[in-house]
Amino acid sequence: MEHRYKQEVLDHLVTHGVRPTRVSSPELVHGFIADLYRYELRRLRDRLLRREILKSDYYDHVVEVRRRYPLLALKVWQWMEP
């Protein structure tokens, strides 16, 4: 089955090094991006625990990571062309 991703979704995915093809399952791509997001949050938490960042700055860092993953706020079907 072929999938037609919206161009703005493709443009954002490439910022994470992801280049889905027409046969790439949107659920698989979404799962990969979600895994990257969780990985970054875990790294951030580890930095906090190692005291590389201040607890008072932690929230701002989390918000920064969230802003890099706006596609996760969308449903997978919203990634696709009608």
C-alpha atoms as a PDB file:
ATOM      1  CA  MET A   1       0.000   0.000   0.000  1.00  0.00           C
ATOM      2  CA  GLU A   2       1.250   3.467  -0.863  1.00  0.00           C
ATOM      3  CA  HIS A   3       1.124   6.366   1.570  1.00  0.00           C
ATOM      4  CA  ARG A   4       1.202  10.035   0.577  1.00  0.00           C
ATOM      5  CA  TYR A   5       2.721  12.184   3.314  1.00  0.00           C
ATOM      6  CA  LYS A   6       2.058  15.924   3.391  1.00  0.00           C
ATOM      7  CA  GLN A   7       5.069  17.916   2.233  1.00  0.00           C
ATOM      8  CA  GLU A   8       5.337  19.881   5.488  1.00  0.00           C
ATOM      9  CA  VAL A   9       5.446  16.580   7.381  1.00  0.00           C
ATOM     10  CA  LEU A  10       8.212  15.291   5.118  1.00  0.00           C
ATOM     11  CA  ASP A  11      10.121  18.545   5.587  1.00  0.00           C
ATOM     12  CA  HIS A  12       9.924  18.210   9.360  1.00  0.00           C
ATOM     13  CA  LEU A  13      10.799  14.513   9.380  1.00  0.00           C
ATOM     14  CA  VAL A  14      13.998  15.192   7.455  1.00  0.00           C
ATOM     15  CA  THR A  15      15.182  17.430  10.307  1.00  0.00           C
ATOM     16  CA  HIS A  16      15.312  14.229  12.363  1.00  0.00           C
ATOM     17  CA  GLY A  17      17.027  12.275   9.600  1.00  0.00           C
ATOM     18  CA  VAL A  18      13.852  10.418   8.636  1.00  0.00           C
ATOM     19  CA  ARG A  19      12.956  10.075   4.955  1.00  0.00           C
ATOM     20  CA  PRO A  20       9.910   7.838   4.590  1.00  0.00           C
ATOM     21  CA  THR A  21       9.099   6.390   1.196  1.00  0.00           C
ATOM     22  CA  ARG A  22       5.611   5.868  -0.182  1.00  0.00           C
ATOM     23  CA  VAL A  23       5.633   2.350   1.233  1.00  0.00           C
ATOM     24  CA  SER A  24       6.773   3.434   4.716  1.00  0.00           C
ATOM     25  CA  SER A  25       3.982   2.837   7.209  1.00  0.00           C
ATOM     26  CA  PRO A  26       2.942   6.091   8.920  1.00  0.00           C
ATOM     27  CA  GLU A  27       2.554   4.167  12.189  1.00  0.00           C
ATOM     28  CA  LEU A  28       6.144   2.927  11.913  1.00  0.00           C
ATOM     29  CA  VAL A  29       7.460   6.435  11.208  1.00  0.00           C
ATOM     30  CA  HIS A  30       5.411   7.878  14.074  1.00  0.00           C
ATOM     31  CA  GLY A  31       6.766   5.211  16.408  1.00  0.00           C
ATOM     32  CA  PHE A  32      10.321   6.002  15.358  1.00  0.00           C
ATOM     33  CA  ILE A  33       9.850   9.730  15.981  1.00  0.00           C
ATOM     34  CA  ALA A  34       8.226   9.002  19.357  1.00  0.00           C
ATOM     35  CA  ASP A  35      11.220   6.819  20.264  1.00  0.00           C
ATOM     36  CA  LEU A  36      13.603   9.643  19.340  1.00  0.00           C
ATOM     37  CA  TYR A  37      11.591  12.039  21.503  1.00  0.00           C
ATOM     38  CA  ARG A  38      11.683   9.693  24.496  1.00  0.00           C
ATOM     39  CA  TYR A  39      15.407   9.119  23.967  1.00  0.00           C
ATOM     40  CA  GLU A  40      16.063  12.868  24.092  1.00  0.00           C
ATOM     41  CA  LEU A  41      13.974  13.239  27.253  1.00  0.00           C
ATOM     42  CA  ARG A  42      15.864  10.389  28.921  1.00  0.00           C
ATOM     43  CA  ARG A  43      19.203  11.971  27.976  1.00  0.00           C
ATOM     44  CA  LEU A  44      17.989  15.231  29.440  1.00  0.00           C
ATOM     45  CA  ARG A  45      16.930  13.522  32.656  1.00  0.00           C
ATOM     46  CA  ASP A  46      20.327  11.811  32.860  1.00  0.00           C
ATOM     47  CA  ARG A  47      22.026  15.183  32.480  1.00  0.00           C
ATOM     48  CA  LEU A  48      19.895  16.505  35.320  1.00  0.00           C
ATOM     49  CA  LEU A  49      20.847  13.574  37.539  1.00  0.00           C
ATOM     50  CA  ARG A  50      24.535  14.114  36.734  1.00  0.00           C
ATOM     51  CA  ARG A  51      23.987  17.780  37.640  1.00  0.00           C
ATOM     52  CA  GLU A  52      25.068  18.980  34.217  1.00  0.00           C
ATOM     53  CA  ILE A  53      21.965  21.177  34.145  1.00  0.00           C
ATOM     54  CA  LEU A  54      20.267  22.917  37.019  1.00  0.00           C
ATOM     55  CA  LYS A  55      16.919  21.668  38.257  1.00  0.00           C
ATOM     56  CA  SER A  56      15.537  25.167  37.824  1.00  0.00           C
ATOM     57  CA  ASP A  57      16.491  25.036  34.098  1.00  0.00           C
ATOM     58  CA  TYR A  58      15.168  21.520  33.514  1.00  0.00           C
ATOM     59  CA  TYR A  59      11.638  22.610  32.569  1.00  0.00           C
ATOM     60  CA  ASP A  60      12.941  24.991  29.897  1.00  0.00           C
ATOM     61  CA  HIS A  61      15.041  22.200  28.403  1.00  0.00           C
ATOM     62  CA  VAL A  62      12.032  19.868  28.319  1.00  0.00           C
ATOM     63  CA  VAL A  63       9.956  22.522  26.556  1.00  0.00           C
ATOM     64  CA  GLU A  64      12.757  22.997  24.020  1.00  0.00           C
ATOM     65  CA  VAL A  65      12.760  19.278  23.245  1.00  0.00           C
ATOM     66  CA  ARG A  66       8.958  19.251  22.914  1.00  0.00           C
ATOM     67  CA  ARG A  67       9.107  22.115  20.414  1.00  0.00           C
ATOM     68  CA  ARG A  68      11.362  20.029  18.171  1.00  0.00           C
ATOM     69  CA  TYR A  69       8.666  17.343  17.879  1.00  0.00           C
ATOM     70  CA  PRO A  70       5.417  19.092  16.873  1.00  0.00           C
ATOM     71  CA  LEU A  71       4.402  16.145  14.694  1.00  0.00           C
ATOM     72  CA  LEU A  72       3.755  14.080  17.799  1.00  0.00           C
ATOM     73  CA  ALA A  73       0.871  16.403  18.644  1.00  0.00           C
ATOM     74  CA  LEU A  74      -0.863  15.292  15.438  1.00  0.00           C
ATOM     75  CA  LYS A  75      -2.667  12.058  14.736  1.00  0.00           C
ATOM     76  CA  VAL A  76      -0.982   9.876  12.136  1.00  0.00           C
ATOM     77  CA  TRP A  77      -3.831  10.366   9.672  1.00  0.00           C
ATOM     78  CA  GLN A  78      -3.171  14.127   9.830  1.00  0.00           C
ATOM     79  CA  TRP A  79       0.292  13.480   8.380  1.00  0.00           C
ATOM     80  CA  MET A  80      -1.210  12.156   5.171  1.00  0.00           C
ATOM     81  CA  GLU A  81      -2.556  13.750   2.009  1.00  0.00           C
ATOM     82  CA  PRO A  82      -6.303  13.194   1.550  1.00  0.00           C
END
